[in-house]
Amino acid sequence: MDISEFSRLRDKASYLRHPWETSRVNVLKTFLRSSGISFPVDRVVDIGGGDAFVINSLMGENLAREYFAIDTAYTQEVIGQLKENYNDSGVQYVHDLEEYNRQHDAGLKTLFLCMDVLEHLEDESIILDHLDPRNTNCHYFFSVPAFQSVFSSHDVLLGHYRRYTLSQFEKMLKNKGFTIKNRGYYFTSLLALRWVEKLFKKKKDESIDNWEGGKTKTKLINSVLDIDFRISLLLKKAGIIIPGLSCYCLCKK
């Protein structure tokens, strides 16, 4: 869970979701519908679930029978607050992957999500080595921020150690035993904006917890980023992968 998410956990009714958060969920839903995975699966497990916005956003999509969120920040107090925030939605909250592996059947058909988590770790093995290779029924969807060339104070603010190119990301996952089934970038327009900010040395102090753009602006940005991603998918079908602010890989192990 990002440190910024703690400041709003008990104040769910009075903050606006940053359009990056809502657009990222829209990207995930759009991608999963075209992924070729046979839904519903037995479980969807969100690694690094944070304030549980992603996993709760997926619950109405008929993707699985059970939904889990895993985060080392999940104390009993935090879990109680999350259950209150989401009206006891049925999501099961787990402290870490070791606990999940001990307590839950590894043989079920599962989709693991790990979105914008690995860049927060000094060593990605902390997560990747705990994804059980014995279960061949699993898919894994990873996403990370792209291009070290746009690493900035904003990344430092968010607690990032690094950014990745798609080829670097693929190589790292393959070295950990994953087979890449699909990959690409998203948010091309945001990458262009970040390059401009870096060029003019614009300092970016805001984070996802202090968005004040309003509902209309948020909706407009969501629409632009949705079109952005759909265009990148169309181009990828034609064999053209265009860069974006984030990269993703859908894998099996």
C-alpha atoms as a PDB file:
ATOM      1  CA  MET A   1       0.000   0.000   0.000  1.00  0.00           C
ATOM      2  CA  ASP A   2       1.422   3.388  -0.982  1.00  0.00           C
ATOM      3  CA  ILE A   3       1.929   5.736   1.934  1.00  0.00           C
ATOM      4  CA  SER A   4      -0.423   8.202   0.211  1.00  0.00           C
ATOM      5  CA  GLU A   5      -3.271   5.708   0.503  1.00  0.00           C
ATOM      6  CA  PHE A   6      -3.164   5.678   4.314  1.00  0.00           C
ATOM      7  CA  SER A   7      -4.054   9.357   4.556  1.00  0.00           C
ATOM      8  CA  ARG A   8      -7.451   8.781   2.945  1.00  0.00           C
ATOM      9  CA  LEU A   9      -8.381   5.316   4.176  1.00  0.00           C
ATOM     10  CA  ARG A  10     -10.801   6.670   6.792  1.00  0.00           C
ATOM     11  CA  ASP A  11     -12.029   9.460   4.550  1.00  0.00           C
ATOM     12  CA  LYS A  12     -13.409   7.530   1.573  1.00  0.00           C
ATOM     13  CA  ALA A  13     -16.452   9.739   1.016  1.00  0.00           C
ATOM     14  CA  SER A  14     -14.608  13.040   0.612  1.00  0.00           C
ATOM     15  CA  TYR A  15     -11.817  12.408  -1.912  1.00  0.00           C
ATOM     16  CA  LEU A  16     -11.756  12.089  -5.664  1.00  0.00           C
ATOM     17  CA  ARG A  17      -9.990   9.207  -7.366  1.00  0.00           C
ATOM     18  CA  HIS A  18      -7.064  10.371  -9.466  1.00  0.00           C
ATOM     19  CA  PRO A  19      -7.790   9.693 -13.173  1.00  0.00           C
ATOM     20  CA  TRP A  20      -4.648   7.553 -13.353  1.00  0.00           C
ATOM     21  CA  GLU A  21      -6.266   5.187 -10.834  1.00  0.00           C
ATOM     22  CA  THR A  22      -9.614   4.974 -12.585  1.00  0.00           C
ATOM     23  CA  SER A  23      -8.064   4.777 -16.056  1.00  0.00           C
ATOM     24  CA  ARG A  24      -5.730   2.001 -14.953  1.00  0.00           C
ATOM     25  CA  VAL A  25      -8.748  -0.066 -13.864  1.00  0.00           C
ATOM     26  CA  ASN A  26     -10.433   0.627 -17.213  1.00  0.00           C
ATOM     27  CA  VAL A  27      -7.262  -0.502 -19.031  1.00  0.00           C
ATOM     28  CA  LEU A  28      -7.205  -3.712 -16.989  1.00  0.00           C
ATOM     29  CA  LYS A  29     -10.863  -4.502 -17.719  1.00  0.00           C
ATOM     30  CA  THR A  30     -10.426  -3.798 -21.438  1.00  0.00           C
ATOM     31  CA  PHE A  31      -7.297  -5.938 -21.604  1.00  0.00           C
ATOM     32  CA  LEU A  32      -8.796  -8.879 -19.710  1.00  0.00           C
ATOM     33  CA  ARG A  33     -11.818  -8.967 -22.023  1.00  0.00           C
ATOM     34  CA  SER A  34      -9.458  -9.454 -24.975  1.00  0.00           C
ATOM     35  CA  SER A  35      -6.853 -11.610 -23.202  1.00  0.00           C
ATOM     36  CA  GLY A  36      -8.128 -15.044 -24.219  1.00  0.00           C
ATOM     37  CA  ILE A  37      -8.391 -16.151 -20.582  1.00  0.00           C
ATOM     38  CA  SER A  38     -11.469 -18.301 -20.045  1.00  0.00           C
ATOM     39  CA  PHE A  39     -13.477 -16.469 -17.384  1.00  0.00           C
ATOM     40  CA  PRO A  40     -14.723 -16.951 -14.778  1.00  0.00           C
ATOM     41  CA  VAL A  41     -11.648 -18.400 -13.098  1.00  0.00           C
ATOM     42  CA  ASP A  42     -11.645 -19.705  -9.540  1.00  0.00           C
ATOM     43  CA  ARG A  43      -9.824 -16.716  -8.072  1.00  0.00           C
ATOM     44  CA  VAL A  44      -8.510 -13.262  -8.804  1.00  0.00           C
ATOM     45  CA  VAL A  45      -5.672 -12.314  -6.452  1.00  0.00           C
ATOM     46  CA  ASP A  46      -4.393  -8.726  -6.351  1.00  0.00           C
ATOM     47  CA  ILE A  47      -0.811  -8.610  -5.053  1.00  0.00           C
ATOM     48  CA  GLY A  48      -0.047  -5.240  -3.486  1.00  0.00           C
ATOM     49  CA  GLY A  49      -3.754  -4.525  -3.214  1.00  0.00           C
ATOM     50  CA  GLY A  50      -3.366  -1.201  -1.405  1.00  0.00           C
ATOM     51  CA  ASP A  51      -6.702   0.400  -0.599  1.00  0.00           C
ATOM     52  CA  ALA A  52      -8.438  -2.411  -2.557  1.00  0.00           C
ATOM     53  CA  PHE A  53      -9.864  -0.152  -5.265  1.00  0.00           C
ATOM     54  CA  VAL A  54      -8.720  -2.425  -8.119  1.00  0.00           C
ATOM     55  CA  ILE A  55      -9.990  -5.718  -6.710  1.00  0.00           C
ATOM     56  CA  ASN A  56     -13.336  -4.250  -5.645  1.00  0.00           C
ATOM     57  CA  SER A  57     -13.739  -2.658  -9.085  1.00  0.00           C
ATOM     58  CA  LEU A  58     -13.462  -6.112 -10.661  1.00  0.00           C
ATOM     59  CA  MET A  59     -16.087  -7.816  -8.547  1.00  0.00           C
ATOM     60  CA  GLY A  60     -18.993  -6.955 -10.844  1.00  0.00           C
ATOM     61  CA  GLU A  61     -17.219  -8.276 -13.949  1.00  0.00           C
ATOM     62  CA  ASN A  62     -17.921 -12.004 -13.429  1.00  0.00           C
ATOM     63  CA  LEU A  63     -14.214 -12.805 -13.530  1.00  0.00           C
ATOM     64  CA  ALA A  64     -13.994 -15.243 -10.602  1.00  0.00           C
ATOM     65  CA  ARG A  65     -15.700 -17.048  -7.755  1.00  0.00           C
ATOM     66  CA  GLU A  66     -13.372 -15.587  -5.120  1.00  0.00           C
ATOM     67  CA  TYR A  67     -11.400 -12.367  -4.829  1.00  0.00           C
ATOM     68  CA  PHE A  68      -8.301 -11.772  -2.708  1.00  0.00           C
ATOM     69  CA  ALA A  69      -6.133  -8.726  -1.957  1.00  0.00           C
ATOM     70  CA  ILE A  70      -2.626  -9.179  -0.552  1.00  0.00           C
ATOM     71  CA  ASP A  71      -0.625  -6.379   1.067  1.00  0.00           C
ATOM     72  CA  THR A  72       1.936  -6.293   3.874  1.00  0.00           C
ATOM     73  CA  ALA A  73       0.183  -3.154   5.181  1.00  0.00           C
ATOM     74  CA  TYR A  74      -2.947  -5.145   6.041  1.00  0.00           C
ATOM     75  CA  THR A  75      -3.248  -5.092   9.808  1.00  0.00           C
ATOM     76  CA  GLN A  76      -6.530  -6.097  11.432  1.00  0.00           C
ATOM     77  CA  GLU A  77      -7.338  -2.407  11.816  1.00  0.00           C
ATOM     78  CA  VAL A  78      -6.726  -1.711   8.126  1.00  0.00           C
ATOM     79  CA  ILE A  79      -8.725  -4.779   7.062  1.00  0.00           C
ATOM     80  CA  GLY A  80     -11.634  -3.679   9.240  1.00  0.00           C
ATOM     81  CA  GLN A  81     -11.581  -0.221   7.645  1.00  0.00           C
ATOM     82  CA  LEU A  82     -11.435  -1.670   4.128  1.00  0.00           C
ATOM     83  CA  LYS A  83     -14.390  -3.929   4.822  1.00  0.00           C
ATOM     84  CA  GLU A  84     -16.314  -0.911   6.074  1.00  0.00           C
ATOM     85  CA  ASN A  85     -15.299   1.183   3.052  1.00  0.00           C
ATOM     86  CA  TYR A  86     -16.474  -1.465   0.600  1.00  0.00           C
ATOM     87  CA  ASN A  87     -19.559  -2.644   2.525  1.00  0.00           C
ATOM     88  CA  ASP A  88     -18.161  -6.130   3.206  1.00  0.00           C
ATOM     89  CA  SER A  89     -17.894  -6.813  -0.522  1.00  0.00           C
ATOM     90  CA  GLY A  90     -16.542 -10.334  -0.010  1.00  0.00           C
ATOM     91  CA  VAL A  91     -12.911  -9.613  -0.851  1.00  0.00           C
ATOM     92  CA  GLN A  92     -10.584 -11.643   1.369  1.00  0.00           C
ATOM     93  CA  TYR A  93      -7.603  -9.690   2.721  1.00  0.00           C
ATOM     94  CA  VAL A  94      -4.247 -11.424   3.293  1.00  0.00           C
ATOM     95  CA  HIS A  95      -1.022 -10.016   4.745  1.00  0.00           C
ATOM     96  CA  ASP A  96       1.525 -11.614   2.377  1.00  0.00           C
ATOM     97  CA  LEU A  97       2.046 -14.279  -0.281  1.00  0.00           C
ATOM     98  CA  GLU A  98       3.513 -16.765   2.182  1.00  0.00           C
ATOM     99  CA  GLU A  99       0.322 -16.595   4.245  1.00  0.00           C
ATOM    100  CA  TYR A 100      -1.786 -16.949   1.107  1.00  0.00           C
ATOM    101  CA  ASN A 101       0.210 -20.008  -0.033  1.00  0.00           C
ATOM    102  CA  ARG A 102      -0.090 -21.621   3.406  1.00  0.00           C
ATOM    103  CA  GLN A 103      -3.817 -21.098   3.818  1.00  0.00           C
ATOM    104  CA  HIS A 104      -5.274 -21.475   0.323  1.00  0.00           C
ATOM    105  CA  ASP A 105      -5.298 -24.256  -2.270  1.00  0.00           C
ATOM    106  CA  ALA A 106      -2.641 -23.576  -4.898  1.00  0.00           C
ATOM    107  CA  GLY A 107      -4.236 -25.886  -7.462  1.00  0.00           C
ATOM    108  CA  LEU A 108      -7.122 -23.647  -8.455  1.00  0.00           C
ATOM    109  CA  LYS A 109      -7.382 -21.669 -11.682  1.00  0.00           C
ATOM    110  CA  THR A 110      -6.184 -18.243 -10.629  1.00  0.00           C
ATOM    111  CA  LEU A 111      -5.431 -14.846 -12.152  1.00  0.00           C
ATOM    112  CA  PHE A 112      -2.752 -13.026 -10.172  1.00  0.00           C
ATOM    113  CA  LEU A 113      -2.526  -9.260 -10.616  1.00  0.00           C
ATOM    114  CA  CYS A 114       0.640  -7.381  -9.683  1.00  0.00           C
ATOM    115  CA  MET A 115       0.159  -3.820 -10.912  1.00  0.00           C
ATOM    116  CA  ASP A 116       2.647  -1.067 -10.093  1.00  0.00           C
ATOM    117  CA  VAL A 117       4.196  -3.029  -7.240  1.00  0.00           C
ATOM    118  CA  LEU A 118       7.568  -4.426  -8.361  1.00  0.00           C
ATOM    119  CA  GLU A 119       9.111  -0.976  -8.811  1.00  0.00           C
ATOM    120  CA  HIS A 120       8.621  -0.387  -5.067  1.00  0.00           C
ATOM    121  CA  LEU A 121      10.889  -3.321  -4.192  1.00  0.00           C
ATOM    122  CA  GLU A 122      14.663  -3.177  -4.063  1.00  0.00           C
ATOM    123  CA  ASP A 123      14.582  -6.835  -5.200  1.00  0.00           C
ATOM    124  CA  GLU A 124      11.630  -8.117  -7.248  1.00  0.00           C
ATOM    125  CA  SER A 125      12.350 -11.666  -6.024  1.00  0.00           C
ATOM    126  CA  ILE A 126      10.537 -10.803  -2.792  1.00  0.00           C
ATOM    127  CA  ILE A 127       7.318 -11.347  -4.752  1.00  0.00           C
ATOM    128  CA  LEU A 128       8.278 -13.302  -7.851  1.00  0.00           C
ATOM    129  CA  ASP A 129       9.950 -16.156  -5.981  1.00  0.00           C
ATOM    130  CA  HIS A 130       6.772 -16.749  -3.959  1.00  0.00           C
ATOM    131  CA  LEU A 131       4.518 -17.335  -6.963  1.00  0.00           C
ATOM    132  CA  ASP A 132       4.105 -21.116  -6.913  1.00  0.00           C
ATOM    133  CA  PRO A 133       5.409 -22.673 -10.176  1.00  0.00           C
ATOM    134  CA  ARG A 134       3.612 -25.975  -9.524  1.00  0.00           C
ATOM    135  CA  ASN A 135       0.202 -24.624 -10.537  1.00  0.00           C
ATOM    136  CA  THR A 136      -0.015 -24.441 -14.332  1.00  0.00           C
ATOM    137  CA  ASN A 137      -3.615 -23.176 -14.139  1.00  0.00           C
ATOM    138  CA  CYS A 138      -2.502 -19.640 -13.293  1.00  0.00           C
ATOM    139  CA  HIS A 139      -2.146 -16.461 -15.323  1.00  0.00           C
ATOM    140  CA  TYR A 140      -0.129 -13.499 -14.068  1.00  0.00           C
ATOM    141  CA  PHE A 141      -0.695  -9.896 -15.140  1.00  0.00           C
ATOM    142  CA  PHE A 142       2.176  -7.566 -14.276  1.00  0.00           C
ATOM    143  CA  SER A 143       2.471  -3.845 -14.938  1.00  0.00           C
ATOM    144  CA  VAL A 144       5.252  -1.409 -14.059  1.00  0.00           C
ATOM    145  CA  PRO A 145       6.201   2.200 -14.897  1.00  0.00           C
ATOM    146  CA  ALA A 146       8.189   2.495 -18.105  1.00  0.00           C
ATOM    147  CA  PHE A 147      11.418   4.220 -19.162  1.00  0.00           C
ATOM    148  CA  GLN A 148      14.131   5.162 -16.702  1.00  0.00           C
ATOM    149  CA  SER A 149      14.733   8.235 -18.880  1.00  0.00           C
ATOM    150  CA  VAL A 150      11.642   9.868 -17.325  1.00  0.00           C
ATOM    151  CA  PHE A 151      12.483   8.845 -13.742  1.00  0.00           C
ATOM    152  CA  SER A 152      11.936  11.989 -11.685  1.00  0.00           C
ATOM    153  CA  SER A 153      11.212  13.420  -8.249  1.00  0.00           C
ATOM    154  CA  HIS A 154       7.664  12.148  -8.721  1.00  0.00           C
ATOM    155  CA  ASP A 155       8.985   8.575  -8.760  1.00  0.00           C
ATOM    156  CA  VAL A 156      10.956   9.324  -5.601  1.00  0.00           C
ATOM    157  CA  LEU A 157       7.776  10.726  -4.022  1.00  0.00           C
ATOM    158  CA  LEU A 158       5.969   7.479  -4.833  1.00  0.00           C
ATOM    159  CA  GLY A 159       8.777   5.282  -3.496  1.00  0.00           C
ATOM    160  CA  HIS A 160       9.963   3.865  -6.841  1.00  0.00           C
ATOM    161  CA  TYR A 161      13.387   2.272  -7.167  1.00  0.00           C
ATOM    162  CA  ARG A 162      13.315   2.093 -10.976  1.00  0.00           C
ATOM    163  CA  ARG A 163      11.370   2.189 -14.217  1.00  0.00           C
ATOM    164  CA  TYR A 164      11.595  -0.451 -16.970  1.00  0.00           C
ATOM    165  CA  THR A 165      11.628  -0.824 -20.734  1.00  0.00           C
ATOM    166  CA  LEU A 166       9.403  -3.590 -22.056  1.00  0.00           C
ATOM    167  CA  SER A 167      12.430  -5.657 -23.127  1.00  0.00           C
ATOM    168  CA  GLN A 168      14.015  -5.313 -19.668  1.00  0.00           C
ATOM    169  CA  PHE A 169      10.742  -6.296 -18.034  1.00  0.00           C
ATOM    170  CA  GLU A 170      10.293  -9.340 -20.271  1.00  0.00           C
ATOM    171  CA  LYS A 171      13.876 -10.494 -19.647  1.00  0.00           C
ATOM    172  CA  MET A 172      13.486 -10.205 -15.880  1.00  0.00           C
ATOM    173  CA  LEU A 173      10.217 -12.212 -15.897  1.00  0.00           C
ATOM    174  CA  LYS A 174      11.651 -14.893 -18.198  1.00  0.00           C
ATOM    175  CA  ASN A 175      14.645 -15.250 -15.882  1.00  0.00           C
ATOM    176  CA  LYS A 176      12.156 -15.959 -13.093  1.00  0.00           C
ATOM    177  CA  GLY A 177      10.529 -18.768 -15.082  1.00  0.00           C
ATOM    178  CA  PHE A 178       7.560 -16.938 -16.576  1.00  0.00           C
ATOM    179  CA  THR A 179       6.371 -17.446 -20.149  1.00  0.00           C
ATOM    180  CA  ILE A 180       5.195 -14.232 -21.803  1.00  0.00           C
ATOM    181  CA  LYS A 181       1.794 -14.615 -23.497  1.00  0.00           C
ATOM    182  CA  ASN A 182       1.096 -10.948 -24.241  1.00  0.00           C
ATOM    183  CA  ARG A 183       2.882  -7.665 -23.625  1.00  0.00           C
ATOM    184  CA  GLY A 184       2.824  -4.002 -24.477  1.00  0.00           C
ATOM    185  CA  TYR A 185       2.688  -0.423 -23.242  1.00  0.00           C
ATOM    186  CA  TYR A 186      -0.181   1.848 -22.279  1.00  0.00           C
ATOM    187  CA  PHE A 187      -0.744   5.574 -21.686  1.00  0.00           C
ATOM    188  CA  THR A 188       1.297   6.888 -24.616  1.00  0.00           C
ATOM    189  CA  SER A 189      -0.115  10.392 -24.138  1.00  0.00           C
ATOM    190  CA  LEU A 190       1.041  10.456 -20.504  1.00  0.00           C
ATOM    191  CA  LEU A 191       4.540   9.417 -21.549  1.00  0.00           C
ATOM    192  CA  ALA A 192       4.693  12.370 -23.950  1.00  0.00           C
ATOM    193  CA  LEU A 193       3.550  14.661 -21.130  1.00  0.00           C
ATOM    194  CA  ARG A 194       6.178  13.245 -18.771  1.00  0.00           C
ATOM    195  CA  TRP A 195       8.923  13.799 -21.342  1.00  0.00           C
ATOM    196  CA  VAL A 196       7.865  17.448 -21.640  1.00  0.00           C
ATOM    197  CA  GLU A 197       7.851  17.834 -17.851  1.00  0.00           C
ATOM    198  CA  LYS A 198      11.327  16.309 -17.651  1.00  0.00           C
ATOM    199  CA  LEU A 199      12.591  18.562 -20.463  1.00  0.00           C
ATOM    200  CA  PHE A 200      11.430  21.699 -18.661  1.00  0.00           C
ATOM    201  CA  LYS A 201      12.426  20.319 -15.259  1.00  0.00           C
ATOM    202  CA  LYS A 202       8.899  20.736 -13.924  1.00  0.00           C
ATOM    203  CA  LYS A 203       8.699  19.465 -10.338  1.00  0.00           C
ATOM    204  CA  LYS A 204       5.703  17.213  -9.735  1.00  0.00           C
ATOM    205  CA  ASP A 205       4.787  17.165  -6.042  1.00  0.00           C
ATOM    206  CA  GLU A 206       1.190  15.957  -6.247  1.00  0.00           C
ATOM    207  CA  SER A 207       0.281  12.324  -5.707  1.00  0.00           C
ATOM    208  CA  ILE A 208      -2.856  10.216  -6.059  1.00  0.00           C
ATOM    209  CA  ASP A 209      -4.126  11.324  -2.649  1.00  0.00           C
ATOM    210  CA  ASN A 210      -4.480  15.025  -3.462  1.00  0.00           C
ATOM    211  CA  TRP A 211      -6.287  15.136  -6.822  1.00  0.00           C
ATOM    212  CA  GLU A 212      -8.524  18.219  -7.043  1.00  0.00           C
ATOM    213  CA  GLY A 213      -9.403  18.181 -10.733  1.00  0.00           C
ATOM    214  CA  GLY A 214     -13.118  17.587 -10.222  1.00  0.00           C
ATOM    215  CA  LYS A 215     -15.460  14.987 -11.686  1.00  0.00           C
ATOM    216  CA  THR A 216     -15.756  16.567 -15.140  1.00  0.00           C
ATOM    217  CA  LYS A 217     -12.003  16.832 -15.657  1.00  0.00           C
ATOM    218  CA  THR A 218     -11.520  13.314 -14.299  1.00  0.00           C
ATOM    219  CA  LYS A 219     -14.120  11.923 -16.717  1.00  0.00           C
ATOM    220  CA  LEU A 220     -12.516  13.755 -19.657  1.00  0.00           C
ATOM    221  CA  ILE A 221      -9.044  12.421 -18.834  1.00  0.00           C
ATOM    222  CA  ASN A 222     -10.466   8.920 -18.407  1.00  0.00           C
ATOM    223  CA  SER A 223     -12.025   9.153 -21.884  1.00  0.00           C
ATOM    224  CA  VAL A 224      -8.758  10.317 -23.457  1.00  0.00           C
ATOM    225  CA  LEU A 225      -6.749   7.555 -21.793  1.00  0.00           C
ATOM    226  CA  ASP A 226      -9.334   4.925 -22.749  1.00  0.00           C
ATOM    227  CA  ILE A 227      -9.029   5.971 -26.410  1.00  0.00           C
ATOM    228  CA  ASP A 228      -5.243   6.037 -25.984  1.00  0.00           C
ATOM    229  CA  PHE A 229      -5.191   2.391 -24.843  1.00  0.00           C
ATOM    230  CA  ARG A 230      -7.656   1.155 -27.457  1.00  0.00           C
ATOM    231  CA  ILE A 231      -5.524   2.708 -30.209  1.00  0.00           C
ATOM    232  CA  SER A 232      -2.417   1.000 -28.808  1.00  0.00           C
ATOM    233  CA  LEU A 233      -4.274  -2.348 -28.843  1.00  0.00           C
ATOM    234  CA  LEU A 234      -5.312  -1.856 -32.472  1.00  0.00           C
ATOM    235  CA  LEU A 235      -1.764  -0.959 -33.488  1.00  0.00           C
ATOM    236  CA  LYS A 236      -0.408  -3.977 -31.601  1.00  0.00           C
ATOM    237  CA  LYS A 237      -2.700  -6.252 -33.620  1.00  0.00           C
ATOM    238  CA  ALA A 238      -0.984  -4.819 -36.680  1.00  0.00           C
ATOM    239  CA  GLY A 239       2.408  -5.638 -35.172  1.00  0.00           C
ATOM    240  CA  ILE A 240       3.171  -2.103 -33.998  1.00  0.00           C
ATOM    241  CA  ILE A 241       4.004  -1.580 -30.319  1.00  0.00           C
ATOM    242  CA  ILE A 242       4.107   2.086 -29.347  1.00  0.00           C
ATOM    243  CA  PRO A 243       5.724   3.231 -26.081  1.00  0.00           C
ATOM    244  CA  GLY A 244       3.721   4.371 -23.081  1.00  0.00           C
ATOM    245  CA  LEU A 245       4.164   5.504 -19.495  1.00  0.00           C
ATOM    246  CA  SER A 246       3.529   1.932 -18.263  1.00  0.00           C
ATOM    247  CA  CYS A 247       4.335  -1.503 -19.644  1.00  0.00           C
ATOM    248  CA  TYR A 248       2.629  -4.818 -18.992  1.00  0.00           C
ATOM    249  CA  CYS A 249       3.101  -8.545 -19.443  1.00  0.00           C
ATOM    250  CA  LEU A 250       0.541 -11.330 -19.253  1.00  0.00           C
ATOM    251  CA  CYS A 251       2.334 -14.528 -18.266  1.00  0.00           C
ATOM    252  CA  LYS A 252       2.091 -18.157 -17.320  1.00  0.00           C
ATOM    253  CA  LYS A 253       4.622 -20.077 -15.273  1.00  0.00           C
END
